[in-house]
Amino acid sequence: MKSVRMFIVGLVSGVMLATAGTAFGAPALQKISATLRPDYKVKVNGQEVKMQNAPISYNNTTYIPLREAGEILGYKVGFKDSTITLDKKDVNDVSAIASTELTGWVDLNTLARDYGVYVASGDDLTIGNITVKRPVAEPDRIETFQTEHGTIHVKIENGRFYVILEEMRNAGVIQ
């Protein structure tokens, strides 16, 4: 009889302890109601970027997806064990750079055709008023050049050369 009574006391105590934990954890998470805003535009350095997920509006504050925003700005975004991490991507890792549309990369043929920029390559690569050592056409890499006009990045991807429009504007190559 004493063992049955101890069993019941233990069972009731266990049930009370098990349900008490959920009561303490309940206030930490709550549902909210927010408004999707696909009509909002996002610009980075004056250039509109296409977001795959629409911003949301909640309590007079606009939120954009952290992973997308981080990747557009050159960060690797991770989530593990309830911790969000942002780590700067290696500028020489082409796979770590966002797409041409998101970062302003443009190929040299487009630069010449659409912006009337003189482009020539031989031993050196000339882009308008900038001449740099011609990058070796190894696939999927980025070369960084310091010029009198600032830093210029040249991306080699699938045998084509790309530059960043904003850097070309800063260097006075285009308006």
N, C-alpha and C. Protein backbone atom coordinates (compact mmCIF):
# COMPACT_ATOMS: atom_id res chain seq x y z
N MET A 1 0.81 -1.18 0.00
CA MET A 1 0.00 0.00 0.00
C MET A 1 0.87 1.26 0.00
N LYS A 2 1.96 1.18 0.80
CA LYS A 2 2.86 2.33 0.88
C LYS A 2 3.53 2.57 -0.47
N SER A 3 3.86 1.51 -1.21
CA SER A 3 4.50 1.68 -2.51
C SER A 3 3.53 2.27 -3.53
N VAL A 4 2.25 1.93 -3.43
CA VAL A 4 1.24 2.51 -4.34
C VAL A 4 1.10 3.99 -4.06
N ARG A 5 1.05 4.36 -2.76
CA ARG A 5 0.94 5.76 -2.38
C ARG A 5 2.16 6.54 -2.88
N MET A 6 3.36 6.00 -2.74
CA MET A 6 4.58 6.66 -3.23
C MET A 6 4.56 6.80 -4.75
N PHE A 7 4.03 5.77 -5.41
CA PHE A 7 3.92 5.83 -6.87
C PHE A 7 3.00 6.97 -7.30
N ILE A 8 1.84 7.09 -6.63
CA ILE A 8 0.87 8.14 -6.98
C ILE A 8 1.45 9.52 -6.69
N VAL A 9 2.10 9.68 -5.53
CA VAL A 9 2.73 10.96 -5.20
C VAL A 9 3.80 11.31 -6.24
N GLY A 10 4.60 10.33 -6.62
CA GLY A 10 5.63 10.56 -7.64
C GLY A 10 5.03 10.91 -8.99
N LEU A 11 3.97 10.24 -9.37
CA LEU A 11 3.30 10.49 -10.65
C LEU A 11 2.70 11.90 -10.68
N VAL A 12 2.00 12.28 -9.62
CA VAL A 12 1.40 13.61 -9.55
C VAL A 12 2.49 14.68 -9.56
N SER A 13 3.56 14.46 -8.81
CA SER A 13 4.67 15.42 -8.78
C SER A 13 5.30 15.56 -10.17
N GLY A 14 5.49 14.46 -10.85
CA GLY A 14 6.07 14.48 -12.19
C GLY A 14 5.20 15.22 -13.18
N VAL A 15 3.89 14.99 -13.11
CA VAL A 15 2.96 15.68 -14.00
C VAL A 15 2.98 17.18 -13.73
N MET A 16 3.01 17.56 -12.45
CA MET A 16 3.03 18.99 -12.11
C MET A 16 4.31 19.65 -12.61
N LEU A 17 5.43 18.99 -12.43
CA LEU A 17 6.71 19.54 -12.91
C LEU A 17 6.75 19.63 -14.43
N ALA A 18 6.22 18.64 -15.11
CA ALA A 18 6.24 18.63 -16.58
C ALA A 18 5.38 19.74 -17.15
N THR A 19 4.23 20.00 -16.58
CA THR A 19 3.35 21.05 -17.10
C THR A 19 3.80 22.43 -16.66
N ALA A 20 4.50 22.54 -15.56
CA ALA A 20 4.99 23.85 -15.11
C ALA A 20 6.02 24.41 -16.08
N GLY A 21 6.83 23.56 -16.67
CA GLY A 21 7.85 24.01 -17.63
C GLY A 21 7.23 24.65 -18.86
N THR A 22 6.13 24.10 -19.35
CA THR A 22 5.49 24.68 -20.52
C THR A 22 4.83 26.00 -20.18
N ALA A 23 4.37 26.16 -18.96
CA ALA A 23 3.76 27.42 -18.56
C ALA A 23 4.80 28.53 -18.53
N PHE A 24 6.03 28.23 -18.10
CA PHE A 24 7.08 29.25 -18.09
C PHE A 24 7.55 29.58 -19.50
N GLY A 25 7.56 28.62 -20.40
CA GLY A 25 8.03 28.85 -21.75
C GLY A 25 7.01 29.52 -22.65
N ALA A 26 5.74 29.47 -22.32
CA ALA A 26 4.68 29.97 -23.18
C ALA A 26 4.82 31.45 -23.53
N PRO A 27 5.14 32.36 -22.59
CA PRO A 27 5.18 33.78 -22.95
C PRO A 27 6.30 34.13 -23.94
N ALA A 28 7.30 33.29 -24.14
CA ALA A 28 8.43 33.61 -25.00
C ALA A 28 8.04 33.67 -26.47
N LEU A 29 7.11 32.88 -26.91
CA LEU A 29 6.68 32.87 -28.31
C LEU A 29 5.23 33.31 -28.40
N GLN A 30 4.98 34.18 -29.37
CA GLN A 30 3.61 34.59 -29.60
C GLN A 30 3.39 34.86 -31.08
N LYS A 31 2.18 34.69 -31.53
CA LYS A 31 1.84 34.95 -32.92
C LYS A 31 1.56 36.44 -33.10
N ILE A 32 1.94 36.94 -34.29
CA ILE A 32 1.67 38.34 -34.62
C ILE A 32 0.94 38.40 -35.95
N SER A 33 0.40 39.53 -36.26
CA SER A 33 -0.23 39.76 -37.56
C SER A 33 0.53 40.90 -38.23
N ALA A 34 1.09 40.63 -39.40
CA ALA A 34 1.87 41.63 -40.13
C ALA A 34 1.35 41.71 -41.56
N THR A 35 1.75 42.75 -42.28
CA THR A 35 1.29 42.96 -43.64
C THR A 35 2.45 42.76 -44.61
N LEU A 36 2.27 41.87 -45.59
CA LEU A 36 3.28 41.71 -46.65
C LEU A 36 3.25 42.96 -47.52
N ARG A 37 4.42 43.49 -47.88
CA ARG A 37 4.50 44.71 -48.68
C ARG A 37 5.31 44.49 -49.96
N PRO A 38 4.78 43.75 -50.93
CA PRO A 38 5.51 43.55 -52.19
C PRO A 38 5.66 44.84 -52.98
N ASP A 39 4.90 45.89 -52.61
CA ASP A 39 5.00 47.17 -53.29
C ASP A 39 6.21 47.99 -52.81
N TYR A 40 6.86 47.59 -51.72
CA TYR A 40 8.04 48.30 -51.24
C TYR A 40 9.25 47.92 -52.09
N LYS A 41 10.07 48.91 -52.43
CA LYS A 41 11.29 48.67 -53.19
C LYS A 41 12.48 48.77 -52.24
N VAL A 42 13.51 47.97 -52.50
CA VAL A 42 14.73 48.00 -51.70
C VAL A 42 15.86 48.45 -52.61
N LYS A 43 16.63 49.46 -52.17
CA LYS A 43 17.77 49.95 -52.93
C LYS A 43 19.03 49.84 -52.09
N VAL A 44 20.11 49.44 -52.73
CA VAL A 44 21.42 49.37 -52.09
C VAL A 44 22.36 50.23 -52.92
N ASN A 45 22.96 51.23 -52.29
CA ASN A 45 23.83 52.18 -53.00
C ASN A 45 23.13 52.77 -54.21
N GLY A 46 21.85 53.10 -54.05
CA GLY A 46 21.10 53.74 -55.12
C GLY A 46 20.58 52.80 -56.19
N GLN A 47 20.91 51.54 -56.11
CA GLN A 47 20.47 50.56 -57.10
C GLN A 47 19.40 49.67 -56.52
N GLU A 48 18.28 49.56 -57.24
CA GLU A 48 17.20 48.70 -56.76
C GLU A 48 17.63 47.24 -56.84
N VAL A 49 17.34 46.50 -55.79
CA VAL A 49 17.63 45.07 -55.76
C VAL A 49 16.31 44.31 -55.70
N LYS A 50 16.28 43.19 -56.35
CA LYS A 50 15.07 42.37 -56.37
C LYS A 50 15.13 41.40 -55.20
N MET A 51 14.15 41.52 -54.32
CA MET A 51 14.06 40.63 -53.18
C MET A 51 13.17 39.44 -53.55
N GLN A 52 13.57 38.25 -53.18
CA GLN A 52 12.75 37.08 -53.45
C GLN A 52 11.58 36.99 -52.49
N ASN A 53 11.73 37.55 -51.29
CA ASN A 53 10.67 37.57 -50.29
C ASN A 53 10.33 39.02 -50.00
N ALA A 54 9.04 39.33 -50.02
CA ALA A 54 8.59 40.71 -49.83
C ALA A 54 8.86 41.19 -48.40
N PRO A 55 9.14 42.48 -48.24
CA PRO A 55 9.24 43.05 -46.90
C PRO A 55 7.89 42.93 -46.19
N ILE A 56 7.92 43.02 -44.86
CA ILE A 56 6.66 43.03 -44.10
C ILE A 56 6.62 44.29 -43.25
N SER A 57 5.42 44.68 -42.91
CA SER A 57 5.22 45.85 -42.06
C SER A 57 4.49 45.39 -40.79
N TYR A 58 5.03 45.78 -39.64
CA TYR A 58 4.46 45.41 -38.35
C TYR A 58 4.74 46.52 -37.35
N ASN A 59 3.72 47.02 -36.69
CA ASN A 59 3.87 48.08 -35.68
C ASN A 59 4.67 49.28 -36.20
N ASN A 60 4.32 49.75 -37.38
CA ASN A 60 4.97 50.92 -38.00
C ASN A 60 6.46 50.72 -38.25
N THR A 61 6.89 49.47 -38.40
CA THR A 61 8.28 49.16 -38.72
C THR A 61 8.29 48.19 -39.89
N THR A 62 9.23 48.40 -40.81
CA THR A 62 9.37 47.53 -41.97
C THR A 62 10.51 46.55 -41.73
N TYR A 63 10.27 45.29 -42.05
CA TYR A 63 11.27 44.24 -41.87
C TYR A 63 11.55 43.60 -43.22
N ILE A 64 12.83 43.32 -43.48
CA ILE A 64 13.20 42.57 -44.68
C ILE A 64 13.92 41.30 -44.23
N PRO A 65 13.89 40.26 -45.06
CA PRO A 65 14.52 38.99 -44.66
C PRO A 65 16.03 39.17 -44.44
N LEU A 66 16.50 38.79 -43.28
CA LEU A 66 17.90 38.97 -42.92
C LEU A 66 18.83 38.20 -43.85
N ARG A 67 18.48 36.96 -44.19
CA ARG A 67 19.36 36.16 -45.04
C ARG A 67 19.56 36.85 -46.40
N GLU A 68 18.48 37.31 -47.01
CA GLU A 68 18.60 37.98 -48.31
C GLU A 68 19.39 39.28 -48.19
N ALA A 69 19.05 40.09 -47.18
CA ALA A 69 19.75 41.36 -47.00
C ALA A 69 21.24 41.13 -46.75
N GLY A 70 21.56 40.17 -45.90
CA GLY A 70 22.96 39.87 -45.61
C GLY A 70 23.72 39.43 -46.84
N GLU A 71 23.12 38.55 -47.64
CA GLU A 71 23.80 38.06 -48.83
C GLU A 71 23.99 39.16 -49.86
N ILE A 72 23.01 40.05 -50.00
CA ILE A 72 23.14 41.18 -50.91
C ILE A 72 24.30 42.07 -50.48
N LEU A 73 24.49 42.22 -49.18
CA LEU A 73 25.55 43.09 -48.66
C LEU A 73 26.88 42.37 -48.49
N GLY A 74 26.96 41.11 -48.92
CA GLY A 74 28.23 40.40 -48.90
C GLY A 74 28.51 39.59 -47.65
N TYR A 75 27.48 39.14 -46.96
CA TYR A 75 27.66 38.33 -45.76
C TYR A 75 27.09 36.94 -45.95
N LYS A 76 27.72 35.96 -45.30
CA LYS A 76 27.14 34.63 -45.17
C LYS A 76 26.27 34.68 -43.93
N VAL A 77 25.03 34.24 -44.05
CA VAL A 77 24.12 34.28 -42.91
C VAL A 77 23.83 32.85 -42.49
N GLY A 78 23.99 32.58 -41.22
CA GLY A 78 23.75 31.23 -40.71
C GLY A 78 22.82 31.25 -39.51
N PHE A 79 22.22 30.11 -39.25
CA PHE A 79 21.35 29.96 -38.08
C PHE A 79 21.56 28.57 -37.52
N LYS A 80 22.05 28.50 -36.28
CA LYS A 80 22.28 27.20 -35.65
C LYS A 80 22.16 27.38 -34.15
N ASP A 81 21.48 26.47 -33.51
CA ASP A 81 21.31 26.49 -32.06
C ASP A 81 20.76 27.84 -31.57
N SER A 82 19.73 28.33 -32.24
CA SER A 82 19.06 29.59 -31.90
C SER A 82 20.00 30.80 -31.97
N THR A 83 21.06 30.72 -32.78
CA THR A 83 22.00 31.82 -32.93
C THR A 83 22.11 32.18 -34.40
N ILE A 84 21.95 33.47 -34.71
CA ILE A 84 22.09 33.97 -36.07
C ILE A 84 23.51 34.49 -36.20
N THR A 85 24.19 34.09 -37.28
CA THR A 85 25.56 34.55 -37.51
C THR A 85 25.65 35.26 -38.86
N LEU A 86 26.45 36.31 -38.91
CA LEU A 86 26.76 37.01 -40.14
C LEU A 86 28.27 37.07 -40.25
N ASP A 87 28.81 36.52 -41.33
CA ASP A 87 30.25 36.52 -41.55
C ASP A 87 30.52 37.11 -42.92
N LYS A 88 31.48 38.04 -42.99
CA LYS A 88 31.84 38.68 -44.26
C LYS A 88 32.36 37.63 -45.22
N LYS A 89 31.87 37.67 -46.47
CA LYS A 89 32.31 36.72 -47.48
C LYS A 89 33.67 37.11 -48.03
N ASP A 90 34.41 36.12 -48.48
CA ASP A 90 35.70 36.34 -49.12
C ASP A 90 35.46 36.95 -50.49
N VAL A 91 36.03 38.12 -50.73
CA VAL A 91 35.80 38.83 -51.99
C VAL A 91 36.33 38.06 -53.20
N ASN A 92 37.24 37.11 -53.00
CA ASN A 92 37.76 36.33 -54.11
C ASN A 92 36.95 35.08 -54.41
N ASP A 93 35.91 34.84 -53.64
CA ASP A 93 35.07 33.67 -53.84
C ASP A 93 33.85 34.07 -54.65
N VAL A 94 33.85 33.80 -55.95
CA VAL A 94 32.76 34.22 -56.83
C VAL A 94 31.44 33.63 -56.38
N SER A 95 31.43 32.39 -55.90
CA SER A 95 30.17 31.80 -55.46
C SER A 95 29.59 32.55 -54.28
N ALA A 96 30.42 33.30 -53.56
CA ALA A 96 29.93 34.05 -52.40
C ALA A 96 29.37 35.41 -52.80
N ILE A 97 29.57 35.83 -54.04
CA ILE A 97 29.09 37.12 -54.49
C ILE A 97 27.68 36.95 -55.04
N ALA A 98 26.79 37.86 -54.71
CA ALA A 98 25.41 37.77 -55.19
C ALA A 98 25.37 37.91 -56.71
N SER A 99 24.22 37.65 -57.29
CA SER A 99 24.08 37.66 -58.75
C SER A 99 24.36 39.03 -59.34
N THR A 100 24.61 39.06 -60.66
CA THR A 100 24.89 40.30 -61.37
C THR A 100 23.82 41.34 -61.10
N GLU A 101 22.56 40.94 -61.15
CA GLU A 101 21.46 41.88 -60.96
C GLU A 101 21.49 42.51 -59.57
N LEU A 102 21.90 41.77 -58.56
CA LEU A 102 21.84 42.28 -57.21
C LEU A 102 23.02 43.17 -56.83
N THR A 103 24.17 42.99 -57.43
CA THR A 103 25.34 43.73 -57.00
C THR A 103 25.84 44.74 -58.02
N GLY A 104 25.22 44.83 -59.18
CA GLY A 104 25.64 45.80 -60.17
C GLY A 104 26.76 45.32 -61.07
N TRP A 105 27.03 44.03 -61.12
CA TRP A 105 28.03 43.51 -62.03
C TRP A 105 27.51 43.64 -63.46
N VAL A 106 28.36 44.04 -64.38
CA VAL A 106 27.99 44.13 -65.79
C VAL A 106 29.18 43.63 -66.61
N ASP A 107 28.88 42.90 -67.70
CA ASP A 107 29.99 42.39 -68.49
C ASP A 107 30.57 43.51 -69.37
N LEU A 108 31.81 43.32 -69.82
CA LEU A 108 32.50 44.37 -70.55
C LEU A 108 31.83 44.68 -71.88
N ASN A 109 31.23 43.68 -72.53
CA ASN A 109 30.53 43.94 -73.80
C ASN A 109 29.36 44.89 -73.57
N THR A 110 28.60 44.68 -72.49
CA THR A 110 27.47 45.55 -72.17
C THR A 110 27.97 46.95 -71.81
N LEU A 111 29.07 47.02 -71.08
CA LEU A 111 29.65 48.31 -70.71
C LEU A 111 30.01 49.10 -71.97
N ALA A 112 30.62 48.43 -72.94
CA ALA A 112 30.99 49.09 -74.20
C ALA A 112 29.74 49.48 -75.01
N ARG A 113 28.80 48.55 -75.12
CA ARG A 113 27.61 48.78 -75.96
C ARG A 113 26.66 49.81 -75.34
N ASP A 114 26.30 49.63 -74.08
CA ASP A 114 25.26 50.48 -73.47
C ASP A 114 25.79 51.80 -72.93
N TYR A 115 27.07 51.85 -72.57
CA TYR A 115 27.62 53.05 -71.97
C TYR A 115 28.68 53.72 -72.84
N GLY A 116 28.97 53.15 -74.00
CA GLY A 116 29.94 53.74 -74.92
C GLY A 116 31.35 53.79 -74.36
N VAL A 117 31.69 52.85 -73.49
CA VAL A 117 33.00 52.82 -72.86
C VAL A 117 33.97 52.04 -73.74
N TYR A 118 35.15 52.62 -73.93
CA TYR A 118 36.20 51.95 -74.70
C TYR A 118 36.74 50.78 -73.86
N VAL A 119 36.74 49.59 -74.46
CA VAL A 119 37.25 48.41 -73.78
C VAL A 119 38.23 47.72 -74.73
N ALA A 120 39.43 47.45 -74.26
CA ALA A 120 40.41 46.73 -75.06
C ALA A 120 41.19 45.80 -74.16
N SER A 121 41.55 44.64 -74.70
CA SER A 121 42.36 43.73 -73.91
C SER A 121 43.48 43.20 -74.77
N GLY A 122 44.60 43.13 -74.18
CA GLY A 122 45.81 42.59 -74.79
C GLY A 122 46.64 42.11 -73.62
N ASP A 123 47.85 42.65 -73.49
CA ASP A 123 48.64 42.37 -72.30
C ASP A 123 48.01 43.03 -71.08
N ASP A 124 47.35 44.16 -71.31
CA ASP A 124 46.64 44.88 -70.25
C ASP A 124 45.16 44.93 -70.60
N LEU A 125 44.33 45.24 -69.62
CA LEU A 125 42.89 45.40 -69.82
C LEU A 125 42.59 46.88 -69.64
N THR A 126 42.06 47.51 -70.69
CA THR A 126 41.72 48.92 -70.64
C THR A 126 40.21 49.07 -70.65
N ILE A 127 39.71 49.78 -69.65
CA ILE A 127 38.28 50.05 -69.53
C ILE A 127 38.14 51.56 -69.39
N GLY A 128 37.78 52.22 -70.47
CA GLY A 128 37.70 53.68 -70.44
C GLY A 128 39.05 54.27 -70.13
N ASN A 129 39.13 55.04 -69.02
CA ASN A 129 40.38 55.69 -68.64
C ASN A 129 41.22 54.88 -67.66
N ILE A 130 40.88 53.61 -67.46
CA ILE A 130 41.59 52.76 -66.51
C ILE A 130 42.29 51.63 -67.24
N THR A 131 43.55 51.44 -66.95
CA THR A 131 44.29 50.31 -67.50
C THR A 131 44.84 49.50 -66.34
N VAL A 132 44.55 48.21 -66.36
CA VAL A 132 45.03 47.30 -65.32
C VAL A 132 45.67 46.10 -65.99
N LYS A 133 46.49 45.38 -65.22
CA LYS A 133 47.08 44.15 -65.73
C LYS A 133 45.95 43.19 -66.07
N ARG A 134 46.00 42.63 -67.25
CA ARG A 134 44.92 41.74 -67.68
C ARG A 134 44.85 40.53 -66.76
N PRO A 135 43.67 40.28 -66.20
CA PRO A 135 43.53 39.11 -65.33
C PRO A 135 43.65 37.82 -66.14
N VAL A 136 44.19 36.81 -65.52
CA VAL A 136 44.26 35.50 -66.15
C VAL A 136 42.83 34.97 -66.21
N ALA A 137 42.42 34.47 -67.35
CA ALA A 137 41.03 34.06 -67.54
C ALA A 137 40.71 32.72 -66.90
N GLU A 138 41.14 32.55 -65.66
CA GLU A 138 40.75 31.35 -64.92
C GLU A 138 39.30 31.52 -64.51
N PRO A 139 38.52 30.47 -64.58
CA PRO A 139 37.09 30.62 -64.30
C PRO A 139 36.78 30.90 -62.83
N ASP A 140 35.69 31.59 -62.66
CA ASP A 140 35.09 31.80 -61.34
C ASP A 140 36.05 32.36 -60.30
N ARG A 141 36.49 33.58 -60.53
CA ARG A 141 37.32 34.26 -59.55
C ARG A 141 37.18 35.76 -59.72
N ILE A 142 37.67 36.49 -58.75
CA ILE A 142 37.62 37.95 -58.80
C ILE A 142 39.02 38.48 -58.57
N GLU A 143 39.42 39.40 -59.43
CA GLU A 143 40.70 40.10 -59.28
C GLU A 143 40.41 41.48 -58.72
N THR A 144 41.22 41.94 -57.79
CA THR A 144 41.07 43.27 -57.21
C THR A 144 42.27 44.11 -57.62
N PHE A 145 41.99 45.30 -58.16
CA PHE A 145 43.05 46.19 -58.61
C PHE A 145 42.91 47.53 -57.90
N GLN A 146 44.05 48.06 -57.44
CA GLN A 146 44.07 49.40 -56.88
C GLN A 146 44.54 50.34 -57.98
N THR A 147 43.73 51.33 -58.31
CA THR A 147 44.08 52.30 -59.35
C THR A 147 44.05 53.69 -58.73
N GLU A 148 44.44 54.67 -59.51
CA GLU A 148 44.37 56.05 -59.01
C GLU A 148 42.92 56.49 -58.80
N HIS A 149 41.99 55.72 -59.36
CA HIS A 149 40.57 56.04 -59.24
C HIS A 149 39.88 55.23 -58.15
N GLY A 150 40.63 54.43 -57.42
CA GLY A 150 40.05 53.62 -56.36
C GLY A 150 40.18 52.13 -56.68
N THR A 151 39.46 51.32 -55.92
CA THR A 151 39.50 49.87 -56.10
C THR A 151 38.58 49.46 -57.23
N ILE A 152 39.08 48.59 -58.10
CA ILE A 152 38.30 48.04 -59.20
C ILE A 152 38.32 46.52 -59.06
N HIS A 153 37.15 45.92 -59.12
CA HIS A 153 37.04 44.46 -59.09
C HIS A 153 36.68 43.98 -60.48
N VAL A 154 37.37 42.97 -60.94
CA VAL A 154 37.06 42.33 -62.22
C VAL A 154 36.73 40.88 -61.91
N LYS A 155 35.53 40.47 -62.27
CA LYS A 155 35.08 39.10 -62.02
C LYS A 155 35.18 38.32 -63.33
N ILE A 156 35.75 37.13 -63.25
CA ILE A 156 35.82 36.23 -64.40
C ILE A 156 34.88 35.08 -64.11
N GLU A 157 33.88 34.92 -64.95
CA GLU A 157 32.88 33.88 -64.75
C GLU A 157 32.47 33.32 -66.10
N ASN A 158 32.61 32.03 -66.29
CA ASN A 158 32.28 31.37 -67.56
C ASN A 158 32.99 32.03 -68.74
N GLY A 159 34.24 32.43 -68.55
CA GLY A 159 35.05 33.00 -69.62
C GLY A 159 34.73 34.45 -69.95
N ARG A 160 33.83 35.09 -69.21
CA ARG A 160 33.47 36.48 -69.46
C ARG A 160 33.98 37.35 -68.32
N PHE A 161 34.27 38.61 -68.64
CA PHE A 161 34.77 39.56 -67.66
C PHE A 161 33.65 40.50 -67.25
N TYR A 162 33.55 40.78 -65.95
CA TYR A 162 32.52 41.67 -65.41
C TYR A 162 33.18 42.71 -64.50
N VAL A 163 32.58 43.89 -64.44
CA VAL A 163 33.00 44.93 -63.51
C VAL A 163 31.75 45.44 -62.79
N ILE A 164 31.95 46.18 -61.69
CA ILE A 164 30.84 46.71 -60.92
C ILE A 164 30.54 48.13 -61.41
N LEU A 165 29.29 48.38 -61.81
CA LEU A 165 28.90 49.68 -62.36
C LEU A 165 29.24 50.82 -61.41
N GLU A 166 28.96 50.66 -60.13
CA GLU A 166 29.21 51.74 -59.18
C GLU A 166 30.70 52.11 -59.13
N GLU A 167 31.57 51.11 -59.22
CA GLU A 167 33.01 51.39 -59.25
C GLU A 167 33.39 52.14 -60.52
N MET A 168 32.74 51.81 -61.64
CA MET A 168 33.01 52.52 -62.89
C MET A 168 32.54 53.97 -62.81
N ARG A 169 31.42 54.19 -62.13
CA ARG A 169 30.95 55.58 -61.92
C ARG A 169 31.91 56.34 -61.04
N ASN A 170 32.33 55.73 -59.93
CA ASN A 170 33.26 56.40 -59.01
C ASN A 170 34.59 56.72 -59.68
N ALA A 171 34.99 55.89 -60.63
CA ALA A 171 36.27 56.11 -61.32
C ALA A 171 36.12 57.10 -62.47
N GLY A 172 34.90 57.56 -62.75
CA GLY A 172 34.69 58.51 -63.83
C GLY A 172 34.64 57.89 -65.21
N VAL A 173 34.52 56.53 -65.26
CA VAL A 173 34.47 55.85 -66.56
C VAL A 173 33.10 56.08 -67.20
N ILE A 174 32.03 56.06 -66.38
CA ILE A 174 30.68 56.34 -66.87
C ILE A 174 30.03 57.40 -65.99
N GLN A 175 29.00 58.00 -66.50
CA GLN A 175 28.26 59.03 -65.75
C GLN A 175 27.25 58.42 -64.83
